[in-house]
Amino acid sequence: AVASGFGIGAIVGMTGVGGGSLMTPLLISVFKLNPAVAIGTDL
């Protein structure tokens, strides 16, 4: 999770906006969260 946060943070830092959109699908595909829980965590 720390490594995933680092990667998403790096994308956000490089792109300004848009990179954070990858967090929810990452939570669903890698951490197998329910979509609703992934959305709440990403918010």
PDB file of all heavy atoms in Angstrom:
ATOM      1  N   ALA A   1       0.830  -1.206   0.000  1.00  0.00           N
ATOM      2  CA  ALA A   1       0.000   0.000   0.000  1.00  0.00           C
ATOM      3  C   ALA A   1       0.866   1.259   0.000  1.00  0.00           C
ATOM      4  O   ALA A   1       0.566   2.237  -0.692  1.00  0.00           O
ATOM      5  CB  ALA A   1      -0.931  -0.007   1.209  1.00  0.00           C
ATOM      6  N   VAL A   2       1.954   1.243   0.778  1.00  0.00           N
ATOM      7  CA  VAL A   2       2.869   2.396   0.799  1.00  0.00           C
ATOM      8  C   VAL A   2       3.463   2.623  -0.587  1.00  0.00           C
ATOM      9  O   VAL A   2       3.514   3.759  -1.083  1.00  0.00           O
ATOM     10  CB  VAL A   2       3.992   2.174   1.837  1.00  0.00           C
ATOM     11  CG1 VAL A   2       5.024   3.300   1.747  1.00  0.00           C
ATOM     12  CG2 VAL A   2       3.410   2.107   3.246  1.00  0.00           C
ATOM     13  N   ALA A   3       3.907   1.520  -1.246  1.00  0.00           N
ATOM     14  CA  ALA A   3       4.475   1.633  -2.595  1.00  0.00           C
ATOM     15  C   ALA A   3       3.428   2.124  -3.588  1.00  0.00           C
ATOM     16  O   ALA A   3       3.730   2.934  -4.480  1.00  0.00           O
ATOM     17  CB  ALA A   3       5.031   0.280  -3.029  1.00  0.00           C
ATOM     18  N   SER A   4       2.188   1.649  -3.444  1.00  0.00           N
ATOM     19  CA  SER A   4       1.109   2.093  -4.332  1.00  0.00           C
ATOM     20  C   SER A   4       0.836   3.578  -4.139  1.00  0.00           C
ATOM     21  O   SER A   4       0.655   4.324  -5.112  1.00  0.00           O
ATOM     22  CB  SER A   4      -0.161   1.285  -4.066  1.00  0.00           C
ATOM     23  OG  SER A   4       0.049  -0.087  -4.303  1.00  0.00           O
ATOM     24  N   GLY A   5       0.794   4.017  -2.880  1.00  0.00           N
ATOM     25  CA  GLY A   5       0.594   5.426  -2.601  1.00  0.00           C
ATOM     26  C   GLY A   5       1.710   6.277  -3.176  1.00  0.00           C
ATOM     27  O   GLY A   5       1.471   7.370  -3.706  1.00  0.00           O
ATOM     28  N   PHE A   6       2.942   5.750  -3.090  1.00  0.00           N
ATOM     29  CA  PHE A   6       4.091   6.471  -3.658  1.00  0.00           C
ATOM     30  C   PHE A   6       3.932   6.622  -5.169  1.00  0.00           C
ATOM     31  O   PHE A   6       4.166   7.708  -5.723  1.00  0.00           O
ATOM     32  CB  PHE A   6       5.377   5.707  -3.337  1.00  0.00           C
ATOM     33  CG  PHE A   6       6.623   6.364  -3.873  1.00  0.00           C
ATOM     34  CD1 PHE A   6       7.258   7.364  -3.152  1.00  0.00           C
ATOM     35  CD2 PHE A   6       7.149   5.985  -5.099  1.00  0.00           C
ATOM     36  CE1 PHE A   6       8.405   7.977  -3.645  1.00  0.00           C
ATOM     37  CE2 PHE A   6       8.292   6.594  -5.596  1.00  0.00           C
ATOM     38  CZ  PHE A   6       8.921   7.584  -4.868  1.00  0.00           C
ATOM     39  N   GLY A   7       3.529   5.544  -5.833  1.00  0.00           N
ATOM     40  CA  GLY A   7       3.371   5.591  -7.287  1.00  0.00           C
ATOM     41  C   GLY A   7       2.276   6.545  -7.724  1.00  0.00           C
ATOM     42  O   GLY A   7       2.467   7.354  -8.645  1.00  0.00           O
ATOM     43  N   ILE A   8       1.130   6.481  -7.047  1.00  0.00           N
ATOM     44  CA  ILE A   8       0.030   7.383  -7.380  1.00  0.00           C
ATOM     45  C   ILE A   8       0.419   8.822  -7.075  1.00  0.00           C
ATOM     46  O   ILE A   8       0.130   9.743  -7.841  1.00  0.00           O
ATOM     47  CB  ILE A   8      -1.240   7.004  -6.596  1.00  0.00           C
ATOM     48  CG1 ILE A   8      -1.751   5.631  -7.046  1.00  0.00           C
ATOM     49  CG2 ILE A   8      -2.324   8.060  -6.786  1.00  0.00           C
ATOM     50  CD1 ILE A   8      -2.231   5.565  -8.471  1.00  0.00           C
ATOM     51  N   GLY A   9       1.115   9.029  -5.944  1.00  0.00           N
ATOM     52  CA  GLY A   9       1.574  10.368  -5.602  1.00  0.00           C
ATOM     53  C   GLY A   9       2.512  10.937  -6.651  1.00  0.00           C
ATOM     54  O   GLY A   9       2.426  12.117  -7.001  1.00  0.00           O
ATOM     55  N   ALA A  10       3.403  10.092  -7.173  1.00  0.00           N
ATOM     56  CA  ALA A  10       4.332  10.548  -8.211  1.00  0.00           C
ATOM     57  C   ALA A  10       3.576  10.961  -9.469  1.00  0.00           C
ATOM     58  O   ALA A  10       3.915  11.969 -10.116  1.00  0.00           O
ATOM     59  CB  ALA A  10       5.332   9.441  -8.540  1.00  0.00           C
ATOM     60  N   ILE A  11       2.533  10.198  -9.833  1.00  0.00           N
ATOM     61  CA  ILE A  11       1.724  10.539 -11.011  1.00  0.00           C
ATOM     62  C   ILE A  11       0.995  11.853 -10.803  1.00  0.00           C
ATOM     63  O   ILE A  11       0.943  12.713 -11.691  1.00  0.00           O
ATOM     64  CB  ILE A  11       0.733   9.402 -11.324  1.00  0.00           C
ATOM     65  CG1 ILE A  11       1.492   8.147 -11.758  1.00  0.00           C
ATOM     66  CG2 ILE A  11      -0.250   9.820 -12.416  1.00  0.00           C
ATOM     67  CD1 ILE A  11       0.623   6.915 -11.898  1.00  0.00           C
ATOM     68  N   VAL A  12       0.427  12.026  -9.600  1.00  0.00           N
ATOM     69  CA  VAL A  12      -0.258  13.278  -9.290  1.00  0.00           C
ATOM     70  C   VAL A  12       0.722  14.446  -9.356  1.00  0.00           C
ATOM     71  O   VAL A  12       0.408  15.512  -9.889  1.00  0.00           O
ATOM     72  CB  VAL A  12      -0.909  13.207  -7.891  1.00  0.00           C
ATOM     73  CG1 VAL A  12      -1.455  14.570  -7.477  1.00  0.00           C
ATOM     74  CG2 VAL A  12      -2.026  12.175  -7.881  1.00  0.00           C
ATOM     75  N   GLY A  13       1.924  14.256  -8.828  1.00  0.00           N
ATOM     76  CA  GLY A  13       2.929  15.315  -8.863  1.00  0.00           C
ATOM     77  C   GLY A  13       3.355  15.677 -10.271  1.00  0.00           C
ATOM     78  O   GLY A  13       3.618  16.846 -10.572  1.00  0.00           O
ATOM     79  N   MET A  14       3.402  14.678 -11.162  1.00  0.00           N
ATOM     80  CA  MET A  14       3.823  14.930 -12.550  1.00  0.00           C
ATOM     81  C   MET A  14       2.729  15.552 -13.397  1.00  0.00           C
ATOM     82  O   MET A  14       2.989  16.381 -14.262  1.00  0.00           O
ATOM     83  CB  MET A  14       4.286  13.619 -13.200  1.00  0.00           C
ATOM     84  CG  MET A  14       5.658  13.153 -12.768  1.00  0.00           C
ATOM     85  SD  MET A  14       6.255  11.745 -13.744  1.00  0.00           S
ATOM     86  CE  MET A  14       5.197  10.432 -13.126  1.00  0.00           C
ATOM     87  N   THR A  15       1.470  15.142 -13.172  1.00  0.00           N
ATOM     88  CA  THR A  15       0.388  15.561 -14.062  1.00  0.00           C
ATOM     89  C   THR A  15      -0.435  16.710 -13.521  1.00  0.00           C
ATOM     90  O   THR A  15      -1.176  17.340 -14.271  1.00  0.00           O
ATOM     91  CB  THR A  15      -0.560  14.380 -14.339  1.00  0.00           C
ATOM     92  OG1 THR A  15      -1.125  13.939 -13.101  1.00  0.00           O
ATOM     93  CG2 THR A  15       0.174  13.228 -14.988  1.00  0.00           C
ATOM     94  N   GLY A  16      -0.359  16.980 -12.232  1.00  0.00           N
ATOM     95  CA  GLY A  16      -1.163  18.042 -11.644  1.00  0.00           C
ATOM     96  C   GLY A  16      -2.567  17.577 -11.341  1.00  0.00           C
ATOM     97  O   GLY A  16      -2.967  17.474 -10.190  1.00  0.00           O
ATOM     98  N   VAL A  17      -3.350  17.283 -12.377  1.00  0.00           N
ATOM     99  CA  VAL A  17      -4.701  16.750 -12.192  1.00  0.00           C
ATOM    100  C   VAL A  17      -4.835  15.503 -13.046  1.00  0.00           C
ATOM    101  O   VAL A  17      -4.147  15.337 -14.051  1.00  0.00           O
ATOM    102  CB  VAL A  17      -5.780  17.776 -12.604  1.00  0.00           C
ATOM    103  CG1 VAL A  17      -5.791  18.964 -11.680  1.00  0.00           C
ATOM    104  CG2 VAL A  17      -5.594  18.214 -14.042  1.00  0.00           C
ATOM    105  N   GLY A  18      -5.733  14.622 -12.633  1.00  0.00           N
ATOM    106  CA  GLY A  18      -5.976  13.414 -13.419  1.00  0.00           C
ATOM    107  C   GLY A  18      -5.316  12.174 -12.868  1.00  0.00           C
ATOM    108  O   GLY A  18      -5.863  11.084 -12.952  1.00  0.00           O
ATOM    109  N   GLY A  19      -4.110  12.333 -12.310  1.00  0.00           N
ATOM    110  CA  GLY A  19      -3.404  11.161 -11.807  1.00  0.00           C
ATOM    111  C   GLY A  19      -4.128  10.480 -10.663  1.00  0.00           C
ATOM    112  O   GLY A  19      -4.097   9.259 -10.524  1.00  0.00           O
ATOM    113  N   GLY A  20      -4.803  11.271  -9.828  1.00  0.00           N
ATOM    114  CA  GLY A  20      -5.538  10.707  -8.722  1.00  0.00           C
ATOM    115  C   GLY A  20      -6.666   9.795  -9.152  1.00  0.00           C
ATOM    116  O   GLY A  20      -7.167   8.990  -8.359  1.00  0.00           O
ATOM    117  N   SER A  21      -7.097   9.907 -10.402  1.00  0.00           N
ATOM    118  CA  SER A  21      -8.174   9.055 -10.914  1.00  0.00           C
ATOM    119  C   SER A  21      -7.778   7.592 -10.941  1.00  0.00           C
ATOM    120  O   SER A  21      -8.638   6.719 -11.064  1.00  0.00           O
ATOM    121  CB  SER A  21      -8.559   9.495 -12.333  1.00  0.00           C
ATOM    122  OG  SER A  21      -8.899  10.858 -12.362  1.00  0.00           O
ATOM    123  N   LEU A  22      -6.498   7.306 -10.852  1.00  0.00           N
ATOM    124  CA  LEU A  22      -6.038   5.914 -10.880  1.00  0.00           C
ATOM    125  C   LEU A  22      -6.161   5.234  -9.526  1.00  0.00           C
ATOM    126  O   LEU A  22      -6.068   4.008  -9.436  1.00  0.00           O
ATOM    127  CB  LEU A  22      -4.573   5.862 -11.335  1.00  0.00           C
ATOM    128  CG  LEU A  22      -4.300   6.323 -12.763  1.00  0.00           C
ATOM    129  CD1 LEU A  22      -2.801   6.361 -13.026  1.00  0.00           C
ATOM    130  CD2 LEU A  22      -4.985   5.409 -13.762  1.00  0.00           C
ATOM    131  N   MET A  23      -6.400   5.993  -8.454  1.00  0.00           N
ATOM    132  CA  MET A  23      -6.427   5.403  -7.127  1.00  0.00           C
ATOM    133  C   MET A  23      -7.582   4.427  -6.943  1.00  0.00           C
ATOM    134  O   MET A  23      -7.396   3.298  -6.453  1.00  0.00           O
ATOM    135  CB  MET A  23      -6.505   6.501  -6.055  1.00  0.00           C
ATOM    136  CG  MET A  23      -6.578   5.967  -4.624  1.00  0.00           C
ATOM    137  SD  MET A  23      -5.187   4.887  -4.205  1.00  0.00           S
ATOM    138  CE  MET A  23      -3.900   6.118  -3.932  1.00  0.00           C
ATOM    139  N   THR A  24      -8.794   4.819  -7.345  1.00  0.00           N
ATOM    140  CA  THR A  24      -9.943   3.934  -7.142  1.00  0.00           C
ATOM    141  C   THR A  24      -9.815   2.624  -7.906  1.00  0.00           C
ATOM    142  O   THR A  24     -10.005   1.551  -7.321  1.00  0.00           O
ATOM    143  CB  THR A  24     -11.258   4.655  -7.500  1.00  0.00           C
ATOM    144  OG1 THR A  24     -11.401   5.801  -6.667  1.00  0.00           O
ATOM    145  CG2 THR A  24     -12.455   3.746  -7.289  1.00  0.00           C
ATOM    146  N   PRO A  25      -9.492   2.642  -9.226  1.00  0.00           N
ATOM    147  CA  PRO A  25      -9.305   1.346  -9.897  1.00  0.00           C
ATOM    148  C   PRO A  25      -8.171   0.513  -9.305  1.00  0.00           C
ATOM    149  O   PRO A  25      -8.233  -0.718  -9.308  1.00  0.00           O
ATOM    150  CB  PRO A  25      -9.026   1.721 -11.361  1.00  0.00           C
ATOM    151  CG  PRO A  25      -8.745   3.167 -11.360  1.00  0.00           C
ATOM    152  CD  PRO A  25      -9.438   3.756 -10.180  1.00  0.00           C
ATOM    153  N   LEU A  26      -7.132   1.179  -8.779  1.00  0.00           N
ATOM    154  CA  LEU A  26      -6.046   0.449  -8.117  1.00  0.00           C
ATOM    155  C   LEU A  26      -6.560  -0.260  -6.863  1.00  0.00           C
ATOM    156  O   LEU A  26      -6.234  -1.432  -6.617  1.00  0.00           O
ATOM    157  CB  LEU A  26      -4.916   1.411  -7.747  1.00  0.00           C
ATOM    158  CG  LEU A  26      -3.718   0.787  -7.020  1.00  0.00           C
ATOM    159  CD1 LEU A  26      -2.834   0.053  -8.020  1.00  0.00           C
ATOM    160  CD2 LEU A  26      -2.900   1.853  -6.292  1.00  0.00           C
ATOM    161  N   LEU A  27      -7.384   0.431  -6.088  1.00  0.00           N
ATOM    162  CA  LEU A  27      -7.934  -0.163  -4.873  1.00  0.00           C
ATOM    163  C   LEU A  27      -8.835  -1.350  -5.187  1.00  0.00           C
ATOM    164  O   LEU A  27      -8.898  -2.318  -4.427  1.00  0.00           O
ATOM    165  CB  LEU A  27      -8.725   0.894  -4.083  1.00  0.00           C
ATOM    166  CG  LEU A  27      -7.905   2.036  -3.475  1.00  0.00           C
ATOM    167  CD1 LEU A  27      -8.827   3.090  -2.867  1.00  0.00           C
ATOM    168  CD2 LEU A  27      -6.933   1.521  -2.435  1.00  0.00           C
ATOM    169  N   ILE A  28      -9.513  -1.274  -6.328  1.00  0.00           N
ATOM    170  CA  ILE A  28     -10.409  -2.369  -6.713  1.00  0.00           C
ATOM    171  C   ILE A  28      -9.623  -3.564  -7.244  1.00  0.00           C
ATOM    172  O   ILE A  28      -9.856  -4.708  -6.850  1.00  0.00           O
ATOM    173  CB  ILE A  28     -11.420  -1.888  -7.775  1.00  0.00           C
ATOM    174  CG1 ILE A  28     -12.362  -0.844  -7.169  1.00  0.00           C
ATOM    175  CG2 ILE A  28     -12.229  -3.066  -8.333  1.00  0.00           C
ATOM    176  CD1 ILE A  28     -13.274  -0.184  -8.178  1.00  0.00           C
ATOM    177  N   SER A  29      -8.646  -3.296  -8.129  1.00  0.00           N
ATOM    178  CA  SER A  29      -7.949  -4.390  -8.815  1.00  0.00           C
ATOM    179  C   SER A  29      -6.835  -5.010  -7.981  1.00  0.00           C
ATOM    180  O   SER A  29      -6.664  -6.231  -7.972  1.00  0.00           O
ATOM    181  CB  SER A  29      -7.374  -3.888 -10.149  1.00  0.00           C
ATOM    182  OG  SER A  29      -6.453  -2.823  -9.927  1.00  0.00           O
ATOM    183  N   VAL A  30      -6.066  -4.204  -7.259  1.00  0.00           N
ATOM    184  CA  VAL A  30      -4.922  -4.711  -6.504  1.00  0.00           C
ATOM    185  C   VAL A  30      -5.326  -5.121  -5.080  1.00  0.00           C
ATOM    186  O   VAL A  30      -4.956  -6.192  -4.608  1.00  0.00           O
ATOM    187  CB  VAL A  30      -3.790  -3.666  -6.456  1.00  0.00           C
ATOM    188  CG1 VAL A  30      -2.645  -4.150  -5.564  1.00  0.00           C
ATOM    189  CG2 VAL A  30      -3.281  -3.376  -7.863  1.00  0.00           C
ATOM    190  N   PHE A  31      -6.107  -4.278  -4.410  1.00  0.00           N
ATOM    191  CA  PHE A  31      -6.451  -4.546  -3.014  1.00  0.00           C
ATOM    192  C   PHE A  31      -7.817  -5.216  -2.850  1.00  0.00           C
ATOM    193  O   PHE A  31      -8.243  -5.485  -1.729  1.00  0.00           O
ATOM    194  CB  PHE A  31      -6.394  -3.244  -2.206  1.00  0.00           C
ATOM    195  CG  PHE A  31      -5.019  -2.651  -2.151  1.00  0.00           C
ATOM    196  CD1 PHE A  31      -4.640  -1.653  -3.043  1.00  0.00           C
ATOM    197  CD2 PHE A  31      -4.076  -3.108  -1.243  1.00  0.00           C
ATOM    198  CE1 PHE A  31      -3.365  -1.107  -3.015  1.00  0.00           C
ATOM    199  CE2 PHE A  31      -2.803  -2.567  -1.202  1.00  0.00           C
ATOM    200  CZ  PHE A  31      -2.441  -1.575  -2.094  1.00  0.00           C
ATOM    201  N   LYS A  32      -8.491  -5.464  -3.991  1.00  0.00           N
ATOM    202  CA  LYS A  32      -9.752  -6.225  -4.015  1.00  0.00           C
ATOM    203  C   LYS A  32     -10.821  -5.620  -3.109  1.00  0.00           C
ATOM    204  O   LYS A  32     -11.595  -6.339  -2.474  1.00  0.00           O
ATOM    205  CB  LYS A  32      -9.507  -7.686  -3.614  1.00  0.00           C
ATOM    206  CG  LYS A  32      -8.390  -8.373  -4.393  1.00  0.00           C
ATOM    207  CD  LYS A  32      -8.656  -8.376  -5.892  1.00  0.00           C
ATOM    208  CE  LYS A  32      -7.531  -9.057  -6.653  1.00  0.00           C
ATOM    209  NZ  LYS A  32      -7.707  -8.977  -8.129  1.00  0.00           N
ATOM    210  N   LEU A  33     -10.863  -4.287  -3.049  1.00  0.00           N
ATOM    211  CA  LEU A  33     -11.903  -3.645  -2.254  1.00  0.00           C
ATOM    212  C   LEU A  33     -13.217  -3.624  -3.017  1.00  0.00           C
ATOM    213  O   LEU A  33     -13.241  -3.558  -4.248  1.00  0.00           O
ATOM    214  CB  LEU A  33     -11.506  -2.203  -1.911  1.00  0.00           C
ATOM    215  CG  LEU A  33     -10.310  -1.982  -0.985  1.00  0.00           C
ATOM    216  CD1 LEU A  33     -10.190  -0.505  -0.652  1.00  0.00           C
ATOM    217  CD2 LEU A  33     -10.423  -2.800   0.290  1.00  0.00           C
ATOM    218  N   ASN A  34     -14.307  -3.663  -2.274  1.00  0.00           N
ATOM    219  CA  ASN A  34     -15.616  -3.416  -2.866  1.00  0.00           C
ATOM    220  C   ASN A  34     -15.601  -2.027  -3.505  1.00  0.00           C
ATOM    221  O   ASN A  34     -15.015  -1.095  -2.939  1.00  0.00           O
ATOM    222  CB  ASN A  34     -16.666  -3.483  -1.748  1.00  0.00           C
ATOM    223  CG  ASN A  34     -18.061  -3.164  -2.231  1.00  0.00           C
ATOM    224  OD1 ASN A  34     -18.390  -2.005  -2.461  1.00  0.00           O
ATOM    225  ND2 ASN A  34     -18.878  -4.181  -2.363  1.00  0.00           N
ATOM    226  N   PRO A  35     -16.219  -1.839  -4.707  1.00  0.00           N
ATOM    227  CA  PRO A  35     -16.182  -0.519  -5.363  1.00  0.00           C
ATOM    228  C   PRO A  35     -16.611   0.630  -4.458  1.00  0.00           C
ATOM    229  O   PRO A  35     -16.007   1.705  -4.491  1.00  0.00           O
ATOM    230  CB  PRO A  35     -17.144  -0.696  -6.540  1.00  0.00           C
ATOM    231  CG  PRO A  35     -17.047  -2.145  -6.879  1.00  0.00           C
ATOM    232  CD  PRO A  35     -16.871  -2.843  -5.560  1.00  0.00           C
ATOM    233  N   ALA A  36     -17.645   0.417  -3.642  1.00  0.00           N
ATOM    234  CA  ALA A  36     -18.106   1.491  -2.753  1.00  0.00           C
ATOM    235  C   ALA A  36     -17.040   1.853  -1.722  1.00  0.00           C
ATOM    236  O   ALA A  36     -16.805   3.033  -1.435  1.00  0.00           O
ATOM    237  CB  ALA A  36     -19.393   1.051  -2.050  1.00  0.00           C
ATOM    238  N   VAL A  37     -16.355   0.855  -1.171  1.00  0.00           N
ATOM    239  CA  VAL A  37     -15.289   1.104  -0.191  1.00  0.00           C
ATOM    240  C   VAL A  37     -14.090   1.765  -0.863  1.00  0.00           C
ATOM    241  O   VAL A  37     -13.451   2.661  -0.295  1.00  0.00           O
ATOM    242  CB  VAL A  37     -14.866  -0.205   0.504  1.00  0.00           C
ATOM    243  CG1 VAL A  37     -13.733   0.038   1.485  1.00  0.00           C
ATOM    244  CG2 VAL A  37     -16.053  -0.833   1.226  1.00  0.00           C
ATOM    245  N   ALA A  38     -13.783   1.345  -2.088  1.00  0.00           N
ATOM    246  CA  ALA A  38     -12.680   1.962  -2.832  1.00  0.00           C
ATOM    247  C   ALA A  38     -12.966   3.434  -3.098  1.00  0.00           C
ATOM    248  O   ALA A  38     -12.080   4.288  -2.961  1.00  0.00           O
ATOM    249  CB  ALA A  38     -12.470   1.213  -4.149  1.00  0.00           C
ATOM    250  N   ILE A  39     -14.199   3.750  -3.454  1.00  0.00           N
ATOM    251  CA  ILE A  39     -14.586   5.138  -3.730  1.00  0.00           C
ATOM    252  C   ILE A  39     -14.492   5.983  -2.468  1.00  0.00           C
ATOM    253  O   ILE A  39     -13.940   7.091  -2.468  1.00  0.00           O
ATOM    254  CB  ILE A  39     -16.011   5.179  -4.325  1.00  0.00           C
ATOM    255  CG1 ILE A  39     -15.992   4.629  -5.756  1.00  0.00           C
ATOM    256  CG2 ILE A  39     -16.576   6.598  -4.307  1.00  0.00           C
ATOM    257  CD1 ILE A  39     -17.359   4.337  -6.330  1.00  0.00           C
ATOM    258  N   GLY A  40     -15.014   5.473  -1.348  1.00  0.00           N
ATOM    259  CA  GLY A  40     -14.942   6.219  -0.090  1.00  0.00           C
ATOM    260  C   GLY A  40     -13.519   6.444   0.380  1.00  0.00           C
ATOM    261  O   GLY A  40     -13.166   7.541   0.837  1.00  0.00           O
ATOM    262  N   THR A  41     -12.669   5.424   0.242  1.00  0.00           N
ATOM    263  CA  THR A  41     -11.268   5.549   0.644  1.00  0.00           C
ATOM    264  C   THR A  41     -10.544   6.565  -0.236  1.00  0.00           C
ATOM    265  O   THR A  41      -9.751   7.385   0.248  1.00  0.00           O
ATOM    266  CB  THR A  41     -10.563   4.183   0.548  1.00  0.00           C
ATOM    267  OG1 THR A  41     -11.271   3.231   1.356  1.00  0.00           O
ATOM    268  CG2 THR A  41      -9.126   4.269   1.040  1.00  0.00           C
ATOM    269  N   ASP A  42     -10.827   6.545  -1.536  1.00  0.00           N
ATOM    270  CA  ASP A  42     -10.187   7.482  -2.458  1.00  0.00           C
ATOM    271  C   ASP A  42     -10.621   8.920  -2.179  1.00  0.00           C
ATOM    272  O   ASP A  42      -9.831   9.854  -2.315  1.00  0.00           O
ATOM    273  CB  ASP A  42     -10.515   7.103  -3.897  1.00  0.00           C
ATOM    274  CG  ASP A  42      -9.819   8.005  -4.909  1.00  0.00           C
ATOM    275  OD1 ASP A  42      -8.680   8.416  -4.648  1.00  0.00           O
ATOM    276  OD2 ASP A  42     -10.420   8.306  -5.957  1.00  0.00           O
ATOM    277  N   LEU A  43     -11.876   9.113  -1.796  1.00  0.00           N
ATOM    278  CA  LEU A  43     -12.345  10.470  -1.475  1.00  0.00           C
ATOM    279  C   LEU A  43     -11.552  11.067  -0.314  1.00  0.00           C
ATOM    280  O   LEU A  43     -11.154  12.236  -0.358  1.00  0.00           O
ATOM    281  CB  LEU A  43     -13.837  10.431  -1.125  1.00  0.00           C
ATOM    282  CG  LEU A  43     -14.788  10.279  -2.329  1.00  0.00           C
ATOM    283  CD1 LEU A  43     -16.196   9.941  -1.849  1.00  0.00           C
ATOM    284  CD2 LEU A  43     -14.803  11.556  -3.165  1.00  0.00           C
TER     285      LEU A  43
END
